[in-house]
Amino acid sequence: MKSFRDRLAWDAENGAIHDRDIPYLLIRPDSLMGIFGFLLETERAAAFEAFARSIAHYGKGSAESYQALGAGQADALMATIAETAPQLGWGIWTLSQSADGLSLSVRNSPFAAGYGESDVPVCAPIRGMLEAVGGLVLGQAVTVRETGCVSQGADICRFEAIPA
């Protein structure tokens, strides 16, 4: 299977970037995560949750398309996701499966870097993508928690996905 970066088609004439039929865009992490800083503090939790839900919904389609490209087995899908994440600028992902579910560590999360210091975890998009991937790998809906976030002073962002 070609790498994500090798699959990208840059269509300058139409101002578009695609991986097959899936459109992508480039945006600075601080511009994206700055949205949350402009919200009232009482609105942030709902906005982070909506962000995670959106990524879980639309990210599932991307993950399913990776399965169709030949990453159909759980180990192959997790390897493809881990290989693709840094090509998207989503940091370095290390995924592992255990009897309890999945664990993920992310070094250099652009969401934590773009947000800055926080009292709460801010990597909602990664949480959403792990929900999508976890559901495919485990064959059932999962609940995902961010158990450590660089924005809160952790050395690395950590997540766990367990059956819902």
C-alpha atoms as a PDB file:
ATOM      1  CA  MET A   1       0.000   0.000   0.000  1.00  0.00           C
ATOM      2  CA  LYS A   2       1.292   3.476  -0.865  1.00  0.00           C
ATOM      3  CA  SER A   3       1.975   5.795   2.041  1.00  0.00           C
ATOM      4  CA  PHE A   4      -0.543   8.507   2.800  1.00  0.00           C
ATOM      5  CA  ARG A   5       1.825  11.193   1.556  1.00  0.00           C
ATOM      6  CA  ASP A   6       2.359   9.327  -1.717  1.00  0.00           C
ATOM      7  CA  ARG A   7      -1.404   9.017  -2.217  1.00  0.00           C
ATOM      8  CA  LEU A   8      -2.035  12.761  -1.860  1.00  0.00           C
ATOM      9  CA  ALA A   9      -3.069  14.579  -5.000  1.00  0.00           C
ATOM     10  CA  TRP A  10      -2.369  18.314  -4.925  1.00  0.00           C
ATOM     11  CA  ASP A  11      -4.816  20.049  -7.274  1.00  0.00           C
ATOM     12  CA  ALA A  12      -3.541  23.639  -7.431  1.00  0.00           C
ATOM     13  CA  GLU A  13      -5.976  24.588 -10.207  1.00  0.00           C
ATOM     14  CA  ASN A  14      -8.953  23.852  -7.932  1.00  0.00           C
ATOM     15  CA  GLY A  15      -7.243  24.634  -4.623  1.00  0.00           C
ATOM     16  CA  ALA A  16      -7.710  21.109  -3.288  1.00  0.00           C
ATOM     17  CA  ILE A  17      -5.787  18.248  -1.698  1.00  0.00           C
ATOM     18  CA  HIS A  18      -7.160  14.687  -1.858  1.00  0.00           C
ATOM     19  CA  ASP A  19      -6.299  11.166  -0.751  1.00  0.00           C
ATOM     20  CA  ARG A  20      -8.316   9.288  -3.351  1.00  0.00           C
ATOM     21  CA  ASP A  21     -11.811  10.800  -2.916  1.00  0.00           C
ATOM     22  CA  ILE A  22     -11.212  12.104   0.642  1.00  0.00           C
ATOM     23  CA  PRO A  23     -10.488  15.856   0.799  1.00  0.00           C
ATOM     24  CA  TYR A  24      -7.879  17.285   3.196  1.00  0.00           C
ATOM     25  CA  LEU A  25      -6.721  20.758   4.140  1.00  0.00           C
ATOM     26  CA  LEU A  26      -3.713  22.266   5.844  1.00  0.00           C
ATOM     27  CA  ILE A  27      -4.267  24.520   8.854  1.00  0.00           C
ATOM     28  CA  ARG A  28      -2.010  25.732  11.621  1.00  0.00           C
ATOM     29  CA  PRO A  29      -2.603  23.924  14.936  1.00  0.00           C
ATOM     30  CA  ASP A  30      -2.662  27.190  16.885  1.00  0.00           C
ATOM     31  CA  SER A  31      -5.318  28.604  14.549  1.00  0.00           C
ATOM     32  CA  LEU A  32      -7.448  25.474  14.917  1.00  0.00           C
ATOM     33  CA  MET A  33      -7.039  25.074  18.671  1.00  0.00           C
ATOM     34  CA  GLY A  34      -7.349  28.820  19.191  1.00  0.00           C
ATOM     35  CA  ILE A  35     -11.087  28.368  18.585  1.00  0.00           C
ATOM     36  CA  PHE A  36     -11.352  26.891  22.071  1.00  0.00           C
ATOM     37  CA  GLY A  37      -9.558  29.840  23.630  1.00  0.00           C
ATOM     38  CA  PHE A  38     -12.142  32.208  22.157  1.00  0.00           C
ATOM     39  CA  LEU A  39     -15.030  30.256  23.666  1.00  0.00           C
ATOM     40  CA  LEU A  40     -16.385  30.911  27.110  1.00  0.00           C
ATOM     41  CA  GLU A  41     -14.882  28.465  29.576  1.00  0.00           C
ATOM     42  CA  THR A  42     -18.334  26.974  30.176  1.00  0.00           C
ATOM     43  CA  GLU A  43     -18.624  26.138  26.450  1.00  0.00           C
ATOM     44  CA  ARG A  44     -15.237  24.455  25.965  1.00  0.00           C
ATOM     45  CA  ALA A  45     -16.089  20.970  27.233  1.00  0.00           C
ATOM     46  CA  ALA A  46     -19.029  20.702  24.816  1.00  0.00           C
ATOM     47  CA  ALA A  47     -16.893  22.012  21.957  1.00  0.00           C
ATOM     48  CA  PHE A  48     -14.095  19.516  22.687  1.00  0.00           C
ATOM     49  CA  GLU A  49     -16.700  16.727  22.814  1.00  0.00           C
ATOM     50  CA  ALA A  50     -18.222  17.842  19.498  1.00  0.00           C
ATOM     51  CA  PHE A  51     -14.737  17.877  17.953  1.00  0.00           C
ATOM     52  CA  ALA A  52     -14.095  14.314  19.180  1.00  0.00           C
ATOM     53  CA  ARG A  53     -17.521  13.157  17.898  1.00  0.00           C
ATOM     54  CA  SER A  54     -16.884  14.678  14.471  1.00  0.00           C
ATOM     55  CA  ILE A  55     -13.482  13.032  14.137  1.00  0.00           C
ATOM     56  CA  ALA A  56     -14.892   9.683  15.347  1.00  0.00           C
ATOM     57  CA  HIS A  57     -17.650   9.895  12.737  1.00  0.00           C
ATOM     58  CA  TYR A  58     -15.600  11.046   9.748  1.00  0.00           C
ATOM     59  CA  GLY A  59     -12.349   9.385  10.823  1.00  0.00           C
ATOM     60  CA  LYS A  60     -14.101   6.030  10.818  1.00  0.00           C
ATOM     61  CA  GLY A  61     -14.569   6.432   7.062  1.00  0.00           C
ATOM     62  CA  SER A  62     -10.855   7.038   6.613  1.00  0.00           C
ATOM     63  CA  ALA A  63      -9.946   4.052   8.784  1.00  0.00           C
ATOM     64  CA  GLU A  64     -12.413   1.857   6.881  1.00  0.00           C
ATOM     65  CA  SER A  65     -10.831   2.998   3.624  1.00  0.00           C
ATOM     66  CA  TYR A  66      -7.418   1.910   4.956  1.00  0.00           C
ATOM     67  CA  GLN A  67      -8.938  -1.531   5.609  1.00  0.00           C
ATOM     68  CA  ALA A  68     -10.084  -1.603   1.984  1.00  0.00           C
ATOM     69  CA  LEU A  69      -6.518  -0.786   0.874  1.00  0.00           C
ATOM     70  CA  GLY A  70      -5.282  -3.974   2.497  1.00  0.00           C
ATOM     71  CA  ALA A  71      -5.003  -3.102   6.180  1.00  0.00           C
ATOM     72  CA  GLY A  72      -7.961  -5.326   7.066  1.00  0.00           C
ATOM     73  CA  GLN A  73      -6.466  -7.196  10.033  1.00  0.00           C
ATOM     74  CA  ALA A  74      -6.284  -5.451  13.409  1.00  0.00           C
ATOM     75  CA  ASP A  75      -2.463  -5.347  13.526  1.00  0.00           C
ATOM     76  CA  ALA A  76      -2.236  -4.113   9.944  1.00  0.00           C
ATOM     77  CA  LEU A  77      -4.852  -1.407  10.544  1.00  0.00           C
ATOM     78  CA  MET A  78      -3.102  -0.200  13.701  1.00  0.00           C
ATOM     79  CA  ALA A  79       0.225  -0.112  11.825  1.00  0.00           C
ATOM     80  CA  THR A  80      -1.337   1.867   8.975  1.00  0.00           C
ATOM     81  CA  ILE A  81      -2.886   4.366  11.401  1.00  0.00           C
ATOM     82  CA  ALA A  82       0.427   4.758  13.247  1.00  0.00           C
ATOM     83  CA  GLU A  83       2.242   5.247   9.923  1.00  0.00           C
ATOM     84  CA  THR A  84      -0.312   7.754   8.629  1.00  0.00           C
ATOM     85  CA  ALA A  85      -0.628   9.941  11.755  1.00  0.00           C
ATOM     86  CA  PRO A  86       2.792  11.640  11.425  1.00  0.00           C
ATOM     87  CA  GLN A  87       2.225  12.160   7.690  1.00  0.00           C
ATOM     88  CA  LEU A  88      -0.895  14.118   8.660  1.00  0.00           C
ATOM     89  CA  GLY A  89       1.055  16.119  11.242  1.00  0.00           C
ATOM     90  CA  TRP A  90      -0.763  14.357  14.132  1.00  0.00           C
ATOM     91  CA  GLY A  91       2.427  13.427  15.994  1.00  0.00           C
ATOM     92  CA  ILE A  92       4.096  10.058  16.483  1.00  0.00           C
ATOM     93  CA  TRP A  93       1.576   7.372  17.456  1.00  0.00           C
ATOM     94  CA  THR A  94       2.335   4.135  19.286  1.00  0.00           C
ATOM     95  CA  LEU A  95      -0.709   1.855  19.423  1.00  0.00           C
ATOM     96  CA  SER A  96      -0.944  -1.426  21.281  1.00  0.00           C
ATOM     97  CA  GLN A  97      -3.691  -3.927  21.941  1.00  0.00           C
ATOM     98  CA  SER A  98      -4.208  -5.831  25.180  1.00  0.00           C
ATOM     99  CA  ALA A  99      -6.951  -8.007  26.629  1.00  0.00           C
ATOM    100  CA  ASP A 100      -8.533  -4.831  28.056  1.00  0.00           C
ATOM    101  CA  GLY A 101      -8.591  -2.802  24.819  1.00  0.00           C
ATOM    102  CA  LEU A 102      -6.188  -0.414  23.098  1.00  0.00           C
ATOM    103  CA  SER A 103      -3.643   2.032  24.407  1.00  0.00           C
ATOM    104  CA  LEU A 104      -2.138   4.901  22.478  1.00  0.00           C
ATOM    105  CA  SER A 105       0.718   7.231  23.235  1.00  0.00           C
ATOM    106  CA  VAL A 106       1.288  10.298  21.086  1.00  0.00           C
ATOM    107  CA  ARG A 107       4.540  12.193  21.026  1.00  0.00           C
ATOM    108  CA  ASN A 108       4.360  15.731  19.664  1.00  0.00           C
ATOM    109  CA  SER A 109       0.572  16.162  19.566  1.00  0.00           C
ATOM    110  CA  PRO A 110      -0.185  19.209  17.397  1.00  0.00           C
ATOM    111  CA  PHE A 111      -3.383  19.749  19.379  1.00  0.00           C
ATOM    112  CA  ALA A 112      -1.585  20.075  22.708  1.00  0.00           C
ATOM    113  CA  ALA A 113       1.100  22.238  21.089  1.00  0.00           C
ATOM    114  CA  GLY A 114      -1.515  24.409  19.386  1.00  0.00           C
ATOM    115  CA  TYR A 115      -3.571  24.855  22.551  1.00  0.00           C
ATOM    116  CA  GLY A 116      -0.860  25.416  25.144  1.00  0.00           C
ATOM    117  CA  GLU A 117      -1.312  25.009  28.892  1.00  0.00           C
ATOM    118  CA  SER A 118      -4.659  23.713  30.115  1.00  0.00           C
ATOM    119  CA  ASP A 119      -6.426  22.361  33.177  1.00  0.00           C
ATOM    120  CA  VAL A 120      -8.143  19.706  31.032  1.00  0.00           C
ATOM    121  CA  PRO A 121      -6.979  17.327  28.267  1.00  0.00           C
ATOM    122  CA  VAL A 122      -7.210  18.997  24.844  1.00  0.00           C
ATOM    123  CA  CYS A 123      -6.459  16.252  22.309  1.00  0.00           C
ATOM    124  CA  ALA A 124     -10.120  15.622  21.455  1.00  0.00           C
ATOM    125  CA  PRO A 125      -9.386  14.871  17.771  1.00  0.00           C
ATOM    126  CA  ILE A 126      -6.997  12.076  18.726  1.00  0.00           C
ATOM    127  CA  ARG A 127      -9.568  10.746  21.184  1.00  0.00           C
ATOM    128  CA  GLY A 128     -12.132  10.735  18.363  1.00  0.00           C
ATOM    129  CA  MET A 129      -9.841   8.953  15.930  1.00  0.00           C
ATOM    130  CA  LEU A 130      -8.969   6.331  18.545  1.00  0.00           C
ATOM    131  CA  GLU A 131     -12.691   5.777  19.060  1.00  0.00           C
ATOM    132  CA  ALA A 132     -13.099   5.100  15.340  1.00  0.00           C
ATOM    133  CA  VAL A 133     -10.037   2.851  15.104  1.00  0.00           C
ATOM    134  CA  GLY A 134     -10.800   1.107  18.397  1.00  0.00           C
ATOM    135  CA  GLY A 135     -14.285   0.210  17.211  1.00  0.00           C
ATOM    136  CA  LEU A 136     -12.880  -1.351  14.048  1.00  0.00           C
ATOM    137  CA  VAL A 137     -10.037  -3.181  15.788  1.00  0.00           C
ATOM    138  CA  LEU A 138     -12.137  -4.504  18.677  1.00  0.00           C
ATOM    139  CA  GLY A 139     -15.277  -5.046  16.608  1.00  0.00           C
ATOM    140  CA  GLN A 140     -17.461  -3.098  19.028  1.00  0.00           C
ATOM    141  CA  ALA A 141     -18.067   0.420  20.279  1.00  0.00           C
ATOM    142  CA  VAL A 142     -15.378   1.734  22.620  1.00  0.00           C
ATOM    143  CA  THR A 143     -15.051   4.421  25.245  1.00  0.00           C
ATOM    144  CA  VAL A 144     -11.876   6.488  24.994  1.00  0.00           C
ATOM    145  CA  ARG A 145     -10.194   8.500  27.736  1.00  0.00           C
ATOM    146  CA  GLU A 146      -7.207  10.784  27.476  1.00  0.00           C
ATOM    147  CA  THR A 147      -5.230   9.766  30.539  1.00  0.00           C
ATOM    148  CA  GLY A 148      -2.333  12.169  30.089  1.00  0.00           C
ATOM    149  CA  CYS A 149      -1.951  15.393  28.116  1.00  0.00           C
ATOM    150  CA  VAL A 150       1.110  17.502  27.425  1.00  0.00           C
ATOM    151  CA  SER A 151      -1.081  20.590  27.846  1.00  0.00           C
ATOM    152  CA  GLN A 152      -1.558  19.510  31.456  1.00  0.00           C
ATOM    153  CA  GLY A 153       2.160  18.935  32.023  1.00  0.00           C
ATOM    154  CA  ALA A 154       2.479  15.264  30.992  1.00  0.00           C
ATOM    155  CA  ASP A 155       5.586  14.254  29.064  1.00  0.00           C
ATOM    156  CA  ILE A 156       3.469  12.581  26.368  1.00  0.00           C
ATOM    157  CA  CYS A 157      -0.241  12.337  25.512  1.00  0.00           C
ATOM    158  CA  ARG A 158      -1.780   8.979  26.478  1.00  0.00           C
ATOM    159  CA  PHE A 159      -5.136   7.410  25.694  1.00  0.00           C
ATOM    160  CA  GLU A 160      -7.000   4.200  26.427  1.00  0.00           C
ATOM    161  CA  ALA A 161      -9.892   2.636  24.525  1.00  0.00           C
ATOM    162  CA  ILE A 162     -12.010  -0.015  26.233  1.00  0.00           C
ATOM    163  CA  PRO A 163     -15.231  -1.719  25.145  1.00  0.00           C
ATOM    164  CA  ALA A 164     -18.193   0.563  25.877  1.00  0.00           C
END
